[in-house]
Protein backbone atom coordinates (compact mmCIF):
# COMPACT_ATOMS: atom_id res chain seq x y z
CA ILE A 1 -24.62 -7.52 -19.02
CA VAL A 2 -22.94 -4.85 -17.16
CA LYS A 3 -23.96 -1.34 -18.45
CA ARG A 4 -21.47 1.26 -18.59
CA SER A 5 -21.47 3.80 -15.75
CA PRO A 6 -22.31 7.24 -16.84
CA VAL A 7 -19.36 9.60 -16.03
CA ALA A 8 -19.94 13.25 -15.58
CA LEU A 9 -16.01 13.99 -15.77
CA PRO A 10 -14.38 15.64 -18.55
CA VAL A 11 -11.70 13.57 -19.93
CA ALA A 12 -8.53 15.78 -19.82
CA ALA A 13 -5.44 15.50 -21.95
CA ALA A 14 -3.34 17.69 -19.44
CA VAL A 15 -3.29 18.35 -15.69
CA THR A 16 -4.74 21.81 -14.86
CA GLY A 17 -4.10 23.86 -11.82
CA ALA A 18 -7.33 22.83 -10.32
CA ALA A 19 -6.58 19.30 -11.09
CA LEU A 20 -3.21 19.39 -9.28
CA VAL A 21 -4.96 20.78 -6.18
CA MET A 22 -7.30 17.83 -6.34
CA VAL A 23 -4.53 15.38 -6.86
CA ALA A 24 -2.38 16.92 -4.09
CA ASN A 25 -5.31 16.59 -1.61
CA LEU A 26 -6.26 13.20 -2.57
CA ALA A 27 -2.72 12.16 -2.28
CA LEU A 28 -2.73 13.62 1.26
CA VAL A 29 -5.66 11.33 2.10
CA SER A 30 -3.78 8.36 0.72
CA ALA A 31 -0.65 9.44 2.74
CA THR A 32 -2.57 8.83 5.99
CA SER A 33 -3.41 5.37 4.79
CA GLN A 34 0.32 4.82 4.13
CA PHE A 35 1.22 6.05 7.65
CA PHE A 36 -1.23 3.87 9.43
CA ARG A 37 -0.34 0.75 7.50
CA ASN A 38 3.45 1.20 8.18
CA SER A 39 3.28 2.76 11.58
CA VAL A 40 3.96 -0.54 13.45
CA GLY A 41 7.57 -0.79 12.14
CA VAL A 42 9.37 1.89 13.92
CA ILE A 43 7.56 1.46 17.29
CA ALA A 44 7.51 -2.37 17.00
CA THR A 45 10.28 -2.84 19.75
CA THR A 46 8.44 -0.28 21.86
CA LEU A 47 5.01 -2.05 21.51
CA THR A 48 6.74 -5.49 22.08
CA THR A 49 8.18 -4.30 25.42
CA GLU A 50 4.95 -2.38 26.53
CA PHE A 51 2.52 -5.01 25.63
CA THR A 52 4.84 -8.17 25.96
CA LEU A 53 4.19 -9.29 22.41
CA THR A 54 5.66 -12.40 20.78
CA ALA A 55 6.84 -12.39 17.27
CA ALA A 56 3.66 -13.88 15.95
CA GLU A 57 1.53 -11.32 17.90
CA LEU A 58 3.57 -8.44 16.57
CA GLY A 59 3.37 -9.85 12.96
CA PHE A 60 -0.59 -10.24 13.37
CA LEU A 61 -0.82 -6.76 14.82
CA SER A 62 0.68 -5.22 11.82
CA SER A 63 -0.87 -7.55 9.28
CA VAL A 64 -4.55 -7.39 10.51
CA PHE A 65 -4.77 -3.91 8.94
CA PHE A 66 -3.99 -5.45 5.46
CA LEU A 67 -6.44 -8.37 6.15
CA VAL A 68 -9.50 -6.12 6.78
CA PHE A 69 -8.23 -3.77 4.08
CA SER A 70 -8.26 -6.61 1.63
CA VAL A 71 -11.68 -7.84 2.56
CA CYS A 72 -13.17 -4.53 2.17
CA GLN A 73 -12.03 -4.24 -1.39
CA VAL A 74 -15.06 -5.91 -2.86
CA PRO A 75 -17.74 -3.71 -1.36
CA VAL A 76 -15.44 -0.79 -1.88
CA GLY A 77 -15.33 -1.33 -5.61
CA VAL A 78 -19.18 -1.63 -5.56
CA VAL A 79 -19.58 1.45 -3.76
CA ILE A 80 -17.16 3.49 -5.85
CA ASP A 81 -18.67 2.42 -9.05
CA ARG A 82 -22.31 3.07 -7.88
CA TYR A 83 -21.97 6.28 -5.54
CA GLY A 84 -18.74 7.67 -6.74
CA PRO A 85 -15.11 8.01 -5.25
CA ARG A 86 -15.86 11.25 -3.13
CA ALA A 87 -18.62 9.60 -1.20
CA ALA A 88 -16.49 6.53 -0.52
CA ILE A 89 -13.64 8.51 0.90
CA LEU A 90 -15.79 10.69 3.19
CA GLY A 91 -17.64 7.87 4.65
CA SER A 92 -14.70 5.67 5.43
CA ALA A 93 -12.70 8.43 7.02
CA LEU A 94 -14.85 8.25 10.10
CA PHE A 95 -13.50 4.74 10.69
CA VAL A 96 -9.88 5.94 10.39
CA VAL A 97 -10.24 8.73 12.81
CA ALA A 98 -11.96 6.52 15.29
CA GLY A 99 -9.42 3.74 14.92
CA SER A 100 -6.44 6.07 15.42
CA LEU A 101 -7.88 7.54 18.54
CA LEU A 102 -8.66 4.07 19.91
CA PHE A 103 -5.09 2.97 19.25
CA SER A 104 -3.80 6.03 21.12
CA VAL A 105 -5.56 4.80 24.27
CA ALA A 106 -5.32 1.09 23.96
CA THR A 107 -4.03 -0.65 27.30
CA ASP A 108 -4.09 -4.38 26.03
CA TYR A 109 -3.50 -6.46 22.87
CA PRO A 110 -7.14 -6.92 21.92
CA THR A 111 -7.70 -3.24 21.83
CA LEU A 112 -4.75 -2.57 19.68
CA ILE A 113 -6.17 -5.34 17.28
CA ALA A 114 -9.57 -3.70 17.14
CA ALA A 115 -8.02 -0.19 16.51
CA ARG A 116 -6.01 -1.63 13.59
CA LEU A 117 -9.21 -3.29 12.22
CA MET A 118 -10.92 0.02 12.26
CA MET A 119 -8.04 1.72 10.53
CA GLY A 120 -7.90 -0.92 7.76
CA ILE A 121 -11.58 -0.59 7.18
CA GLY A 122 -11.40 3.22 6.90
CA CYS A 123 -8.31 3.26 4.69
CA SER A 124 -9.71 0.75 2.26
CA THR A 125 -11.04 3.52 -0.07
CA PHE A 126 -8.05 5.96 0.13
CA LEU A 127 -6.11 4.64 -2.77
CA MET A 128 -8.56 3.03 -5.14
CA ALA A 129 -11.16 5.80 -5.05
CA PRO A 130 -8.64 8.51 -6.24
CA LEU A 131 -7.18 6.24 -8.84
CA VAL A 132 -10.70 5.39 -10.27
CA LEU A 133 -11.53 9.15 -10.25
CA TYR A 134 -8.30 9.67 -12.43
CA ALA A 135 -9.20 6.85 -14.74
CA HIS A 136 -12.46 8.71 -15.56
CA ALA A 137 -11.04 12.23 -15.59
CA PHE A 138 -7.79 11.94 -17.62
CA GLU A 139 -6.73 10.33 -20.87
CA PRO A 140 -4.98 6.74 -20.53
CA ARG A 141 -1.70 8.07 -21.95
CA ILE A 142 -1.10 10.14 -18.74
CA TYR A 143 -2.74 7.77 -16.37
CA ALA A 144 0.38 5.81 -15.49
CA SER A 145 2.32 8.94 -14.71
CA LEU A 146 -0.45 10.60 -12.92
CA THR A 147 -0.79 7.46 -10.72
CA GLY A 148 3.03 7.49 -10.20
CA VAL A 149 2.72 11.13 -8.91
CA HIS A 150 -0.21 10.22 -6.64
CA VAL A 151 1.64 7.21 -5.23
CA ALA A 152 4.85 9.10 -4.78
CA LEU A 153 3.21 11.97 -2.81
CA SER A 154 1.05 9.63 -0.86
CA SER A 155 4.40 7.89 0.17
CA LEU A 156 5.05 10.91 2.33
CA GLY A 157 2.76 9.05 4.73
CA SER A 158 5.33 6.14 4.88
CA LEU A 159 8.02 8.62 5.36
CA ALA A 160 6.14 10.09 8.44
CA ALA A 161 5.97 6.55 9.74
CA THR A 162 9.71 6.35 10.05
CA ALA A 163 12.04 9.01 11.51
CA PRO A 164 9.18 11.58 12.30
CA LEU A 165 7.34 8.71 14.21
CA ALA A 166 10.32 7.62 16.04
CA TYR A 167 11.12 11.44 17.04
CA ALA A 168 7.37 11.87 18.11
CA THR A 169 7.74 8.71 20.08
CA ALA A 170 10.81 9.81 21.81
CA LEU A 171 9.56 13.28 22.43
CA SER A 172 5.95 12.66 23.71
CA GLY A 173 5.20 9.06 23.16
CA TRP A 174 3.62 6.98 20.48
CA ARG A 175 0.14 7.63 21.77
CA TRP A 176 0.17 11.28 20.99
CA ALA A 177 1.48 10.62 17.47
CA PHE A 178 -1.74 8.75 16.81
CA VAL A 179 -3.93 11.58 18.19
CA TRP A 180 -2.32 13.93 15.71
CA ALA A 181 -2.62 11.37 12.94
CA ALA A 182 -6.40 11.30 13.62
CA ILE A 183 -6.67 15.16 13.36
CA ILE A 184 -4.80 15.17 10.13
CA THR A 185 -6.86 12.55 8.57
CA ALA A 186 -10.00 14.40 9.45
CA ILE A 187 -8.77 17.67 8.04
CA SER A 188 -7.56 15.96 4.72
CA ALA A 189 -10.93 14.12 4.36
CA LEU A 190 -12.87 17.36 4.84
CA LEU A 191 -10.77 19.07 2.20
CA VAL A 192 -11.94 16.53 -0.27
CA ILE A 193 -15.38 18.35 -0.44
CA PRO A 194 -14.00 21.71 -1.89
CA THR A 195 -11.06 20.32 -3.75
CA THR A 196 -13.17 17.66 -5.73
CA LYS A 197 -16.11 20.01 -6.32
CA ASP A 198 -15.80 19.89 -10.16
CA VAL A 199 -16.10 16.00 -10.13
CA SER A 200 -18.34 15.37 -7.21
CA GLY A 201 -21.54 15.27 -9.17
CA THR A 202 -20.80 11.82 -10.55
CA LYS A 203 -22.77 8.98 -8.86
CA GLY A 204 -21.36 6.14 -10.74
CA SER A 205 -23.79 3.57 -11.88
CA ALA A 206 -26.38 3.89 -9.04
CA GLY A 207 -28.93 5.12 -11.49
CA THR A 208 -28.39 2.83 -14.36
CA GLU A 209 -27.37 -0.49 -12.79
CA THR A 210 -29.46 -2.70 -10.61
CA LEU A 211 -27.52 -4.10 -7.67
CA ARG A 212 -27.57 -7.58 -9.17
CA GLU A 213 -25.89 -6.20 -12.34
CA THR A 214 -23.45 -4.44 -10.14
CA ILE A 215 -22.50 -7.44 -8.29
CA SER A 216 -22.25 -9.53 -11.46
CA GLY A 217 -19.66 -6.99 -12.75
CA LEU A 218 -17.30 -8.47 -10.21
CA GLY A 219 -17.34 -11.86 -12.02
CA ALA A 220 -16.81 -10.04 -15.26
CA ALA A 221 -13.76 -8.19 -13.77
CA ILE A 222 -12.31 -11.57 -12.52
CA ARG A 223 -12.87 -13.15 -15.94
CA THR A 224 -10.85 -10.43 -17.68
CA PRO A 225 -7.87 -12.04 -19.45
CA GLY A 226 -4.64 -11.38 -17.35
CA PHE A 227 -6.59 -10.87 -14.17
CA LEU A 228 -4.97 -13.82 -12.36
CA GLY A 229 -1.45 -12.84 -13.40
CA LEU A 230 -1.84 -9.18 -12.24
CA PHE A 231 -3.43 -10.44 -9.06
CA ALA A 232 -0.58 -12.58 -8.14
CA MET A 233 1.95 -9.91 -8.90
CA GLN A 234 0.07 -7.56 -6.78
CA PHE A 235 0.32 -10.07 -4.00
CA SER A 236 4.07 -9.72 -3.69
CA THR A 237 4.72 -6.25 -4.80
CA TYR A 238 3.79 -4.08 -1.90
CA SER A 239 4.08 -6.97 0.65
CA THR A 240 7.79 -6.74 0.09
CA PHE A 241 7.87 -3.06 1.05
CA ALA A 242 5.36 -3.40 3.86
CA MET A 243 7.30 -6.33 5.32
CA MET A 244 10.37 -4.29 5.60
CA LEU A 245 9.02 -0.90 6.51
CA GLY A 246 5.99 -1.81 8.37
CA LEU A 247 7.31 -4.82 10.38
CA TRP A 248 10.82 -6.30 10.41
CA GLY A 249 12.97 -3.42 9.30
CA GLY A 250 13.07 -1.82 12.80
CA PRO A 251 13.58 -5.06 14.63
CA TYR A 252 16.18 -6.16 12.13
CA LEU A 253 18.27 -3.07 12.84
CA ALA A 254 17.66 -3.12 16.56
CA HIS A 255 18.43 -6.87 16.96
CA VAL A 256 21.13 -7.51 14.34
CA HIS A 257 22.94 -4.09 14.42
CA GLY A 258 21.98 -2.76 17.77
CA GLY A 259 20.34 0.24 16.38
CA ASP A 260 18.48 2.61 18.71
CA LEU A 261 15.01 4.16 18.03
CA ALA A 262 16.66 7.10 16.16
CA THR A 263 18.90 4.76 14.05
CA GLN A 264 15.84 2.61 13.10
CA GLY A 265 13.85 5.73 12.10
CA HIS A 266 16.70 7.17 9.84
CA ALA A 267 17.17 3.78 8.09
CA LEU A 268 13.42 3.39 7.45
CA LEU A 269 13.22 6.90 6.30
CA ALA A 270 15.86 6.08 3.77
CA LEU A 271 13.91 3.00 2.67
CA ALA A 272 10.55 4.99 2.36
CA GLY A 273 12.38 7.96 0.68
CA ALA A 274 13.88 5.61 -1.89
CA GLN A 275 10.50 4.12 -2.58
CA VAL A 276 9.18 7.71 -3.48
CA VAL A 277 11.97 8.01 -5.99
CA GLY A 278 11.27 4.50 -7.26
CA VAL A 279 7.61 5.14 -7.78
CA MET A 280 8.47 8.12 -9.91
CA VAL A 281 11.03 6.18 -11.99
CA TRP A 282 9.11 3.07 -12.54
CA GLY A 283 5.85 5.01 -12.95
CA SER A 284 7.40 6.70 -16.06
CA ALA A 285 9.28 3.83 -17.35
CA ASP A 286 6.38 2.05 -19.06
CA ARG A 287 6.17 5.14 -21.37
CA TRP A 288 9.85 4.88 -22.11
CA VAL A 289 9.82 1.06 -22.75
CA GLY A 290 6.37 1.18 -24.40
CA ALA A 291 5.12 -1.84 -22.30
CA TYR A 292 4.18 -2.67 -18.84
CA ARG A 293 5.46 -6.19 -18.26
CA PRO A 294 9.29 -5.66 -18.81
CA VAL A 295 9.22 -2.89 -16.31
CA VAL A 296 7.46 -4.95 -13.70
CA LEU A 297 9.73 -8.05 -14.23
CA THR A 298 12.94 -5.94 -14.01
CA ALA A 299 11.86 -4.26 -10.78
CA ALA A 300 10.91 -7.60 -9.26
CA THR A 301 14.27 -9.09 -10.20
CA LEU A 302 16.00 -6.19 -8.55
CA SER A 303 13.90 -6.58 -5.38
CA VAL A 304 14.96 -10.39 -5.25
CA GLY A 305 18.56 -9.27 -5.53
CA CYS A 306 18.26 -6.88 -2.65
CA LEU A 307 16.68 -9.35 -0.40
CA LEU A 308 19.43 -11.79 -1.28
CA ALA A 309 22.03 -9.30 -0.37
CA LEU A 310 20.29 -8.66 3.02
CA ILE A 311 20.31 -12.51 3.67
CA PHE A 312 23.86 -13.17 2.89
CA ILE A 313 25.71 -9.83 3.74
CA GLY A 314 23.23 -7.67 5.66
CA HIS A 315 24.55 -8.89 9.10
CA ARG A 316 28.25 -8.72 7.94
CA VAL A 317 28.38 -5.12 7.02
CA ASP A 318 28.08 -2.08 9.07
CA THR A 319 24.77 -0.11 9.81
CA THR A 320 25.52 2.39 6.93
CA MET A 321 25.78 -0.34 4.38
CA THR A 322 22.68 -2.03 5.65
CA LEU A 323 20.83 1.36 5.23
CA VAL A 324 21.99 1.44 1.54
CA LEU A 325 20.73 -2.06 1.02
CA MET A 326 17.37 -1.32 2.52
CA ALA A 327 17.08 1.91 0.51
CA ALA A 328 17.93 -0.14 -2.66
CA LEU A 329 15.05 -2.44 -1.84
CA GLY A 330 12.66 0.34 -1.31
CA PHE A 331 13.56 1.65 -4.68
CA ALA A 332 13.25 -1.66 -6.40
CA CYS A 333 9.88 -2.71 -5.12
CA ALA A 334 8.20 0.64 -5.88
CA TYR A 335 6.36 -0.52 -9.13
CA THR A 336 2.90 -0.58 -7.84
CA ALA A 337 1.91 2.37 -10.13
CA VAL A 338 2.87 0.34 -13.19
CA LEU A 339 0.86 -2.59 -12.12
CA MET A 340 -2.15 -0.28 -11.40
CA ALA A 341 -1.78 1.18 -15.02
CA HIS A 342 -1.50 -2.34 -16.44
CA GLY A 343 -4.66 -3.49 -14.61
CA LYS A 344 -6.57 -0.41 -15.56
CA SER A 345 -5.77 -0.89 -19.23
CA LEU A 346 -7.36 -4.42 -19.20
CA PHE A 347 -10.67 -3.69 -17.55
CA ALA A 348 -13.72 -2.18 -19.46
CA PRO A 349 -14.66 1.41 -18.28
CA ALA A 350 -17.71 0.21 -16.45
CA LEU A 351 -15.57 -2.33 -14.50
CA THR A 352 -12.77 -0.01 -13.60
CA GLY A 353 -13.64 0.50 -9.83
CA ARG A 354 -14.49 -3.21 -9.32
CA GLY A 355 -11.51 -4.45 -11.33
CA MET A 356 -8.99 -2.18 -9.47
CA THR A 357 -10.24 -2.81 -6.08
CA LEU A 358 -10.26 -6.60 -6.76
CA LEU A 359 -6.68 -6.23 -7.76
CA ASN A 360 -5.99 -4.41 -4.66
CA ILE A 361 -7.17 -7.26 -2.72
CA GLY A 362 -3.94 -8.96 -4.00
CA THR A 363 -1.95 -5.98 -2.76
CA MET A 364 -3.30 -5.80 0.67
CA GLY A 365 -4.06 -9.59 0.98
CA GLY A 366 -0.46 -10.25 0.10
CA SER A 367 0.83 -7.91 2.69
CA PHE A 368 -1.47 -9.54 5.43
CA THR A 369 -0.35 -13.03 4.38
CA MET A 370 3.33 -12.24 4.21
CA GLN A 371 3.42 -10.45 7.36
CA ALA A 372 1.54 -13.06 9.20
CA LEU A 373 3.59 -15.83 7.69
CA THR A 374 7.04 -14.13 8.28
CA GLY A 375 5.86 -13.60 11.89
CA LEU A 376 5.48 -17.31 12.24
CA ALA A 377 8.74 -17.84 10.50
CA VAL A 378 10.53 -15.62 12.88
CA LYS A 379 8.91 -17.24 15.83
CA ALA A 380 9.82 -20.69 14.57
CA VAL A 381 13.48 -19.87 14.49
CA ALA A 382 13.60 -17.45 17.47
CA GLY A 383 11.29 -19.30 19.88
CA PRO A 384 10.15 -17.39 22.93
CA ALA A 385 13.16 -15.06 22.59
CA THR A 386 12.40 -11.29 22.48
CA VAL A 387 15.72 -10.66 20.75
CA TYR A 388 15.62 -12.40 17.23
CA PRO A 389 18.73 -13.92 15.70
CA VAL A 390 19.98 -13.27 12.28
CA ALA A 391 18.49 -16.68 11.03
CA ALA A 392 15.07 -15.62 11.93
CA PHE A 393 15.19 -12.51 9.63
CA GLN A 394 16.97 -14.57 6.94
CA ALA A 395 14.01 -17.04 6.96
CA ALA A 396 11.40 -14.11 6.67
CA PHE A 397 13.39 -12.66 3.74
CA ALA A 398 13.85 -15.91 1.89
CA LEU A 399 10.08 -16.69 2.26
CA GLN A 400 9.34 -13.26 0.54
CA ILE A 401 11.85 -14.18 -2.28
CA LEU A 402 10.05 -17.37 -3.06
CA VAL A 403 6.77 -15.49 -3.29
CA ILE A 404 8.03 -12.85 -5.61
CA ILE A 405 9.50 -15.47 -8.01
CA GLY A 406 6.24 -17.54 -7.91
CA THR A 407 4.07 -14.63 -8.56
CA ALA A 408 6.34 -13.28 -11.27
CA LEU A 409 5.95 -16.62 -13.16
CA LEU A 410 2.16 -16.20 -13.24
CA TYR A 411 2.43 -12.59 -14.27
CA MET A 412 4.54 -13.29 -17.25
CA ARG A 413 1.39 -14.83 -18.81
CA ALA A 414 -0.67 -11.61 -18.59
CA PRO A 415 -1.45 -9.72 -21.87
CA ASP A 416 0.25 -6.44 -22.26
CA PRO A 417 -1.95 -4.01 -24.19
CA ARG A 418 0.82 -1.43 -24.57
CA ARG A 419 3.19 -3.98 -26.27
CA ALA A 420 0.46 -5.12 -28.48
CA MET A 421 -0.20 -1.48 -29.67
CA GLY A 422 3.44 -1.07 -30.24
């Protein structure tokens, strides 16, 4: 039997000024994760040239972050539930800073991979730890909206990985950009200490659960009704955004439309900016509709429509119209906050950390899998060429569509507590 974790946090019905400061800083921490996970996209052509990378190597370089991030979610969930979100963030930040600095001085492909692995390990707590903290600190009725605010603010990191990174690369090189990213990460992590002072006393279940009970809670979380459906949907949700922003969006614009580094940066900025808006809209939509599932399925359907448009007309229209299609995709696939809220509603309080981090394995594992698979798809069509034909990108987008449809069919069977209450 898994004992309920003692929580030293007052459950708030409203967000106070101090809580806003806490949310803002935790969102900044999450923003660094968003930057690192998506930073390969806008410099993909630069890295390909500098390190002579194939499409498959480029795909693995981007996706390896998501692989290790995903693997880390099981121990992260245990650490959060036993020792608290604050300790998890502070400890893992060391890996992020070291990984970013290593990436900045890399001279070969294995070093780039090692640096991305370190970044993935470090960033593995930067979303789940804040969301678990909110789950304990605020009433369920405002959790989805608060999660939406957090994800929207943290998406500023995705924005930074577009035009700003392209500008920094053109100005002083991509290496210095990662030095500054390491500095910002260190500062934001240190700010967690004073800004989470009122809630840092909680130590999770370390004093009331044995390690065996803690680990058995993983099985209890997996057996929660609806877990498989939500896990499947998480697999395709963020991977759609990461595939475009963090990997193929830049090369698509460069190889299909002849866009330079600045054009790629601006288009990806529009994609990431539209996602920020989408997070806010979808994050509030469950309160308007009174259910989680219809919101998620609507957004997934729109995502499929945008990818189909890119497949059939993306290469036939001008760069501006392509930018619009990519921005529409960014808006459509920004429903992660709703899935997080849906998942949180299914787990018992003592399983919140473990349950949500297990679901996040779907999020990050899906991103790793799809970036690696689409890399192989592009290579299969393009062969050894360093300039990829339209058909290569069409194959990647079609593969993503199939995954969205398949996971949505599984998700449709997940229970929806909000609909049941209505």
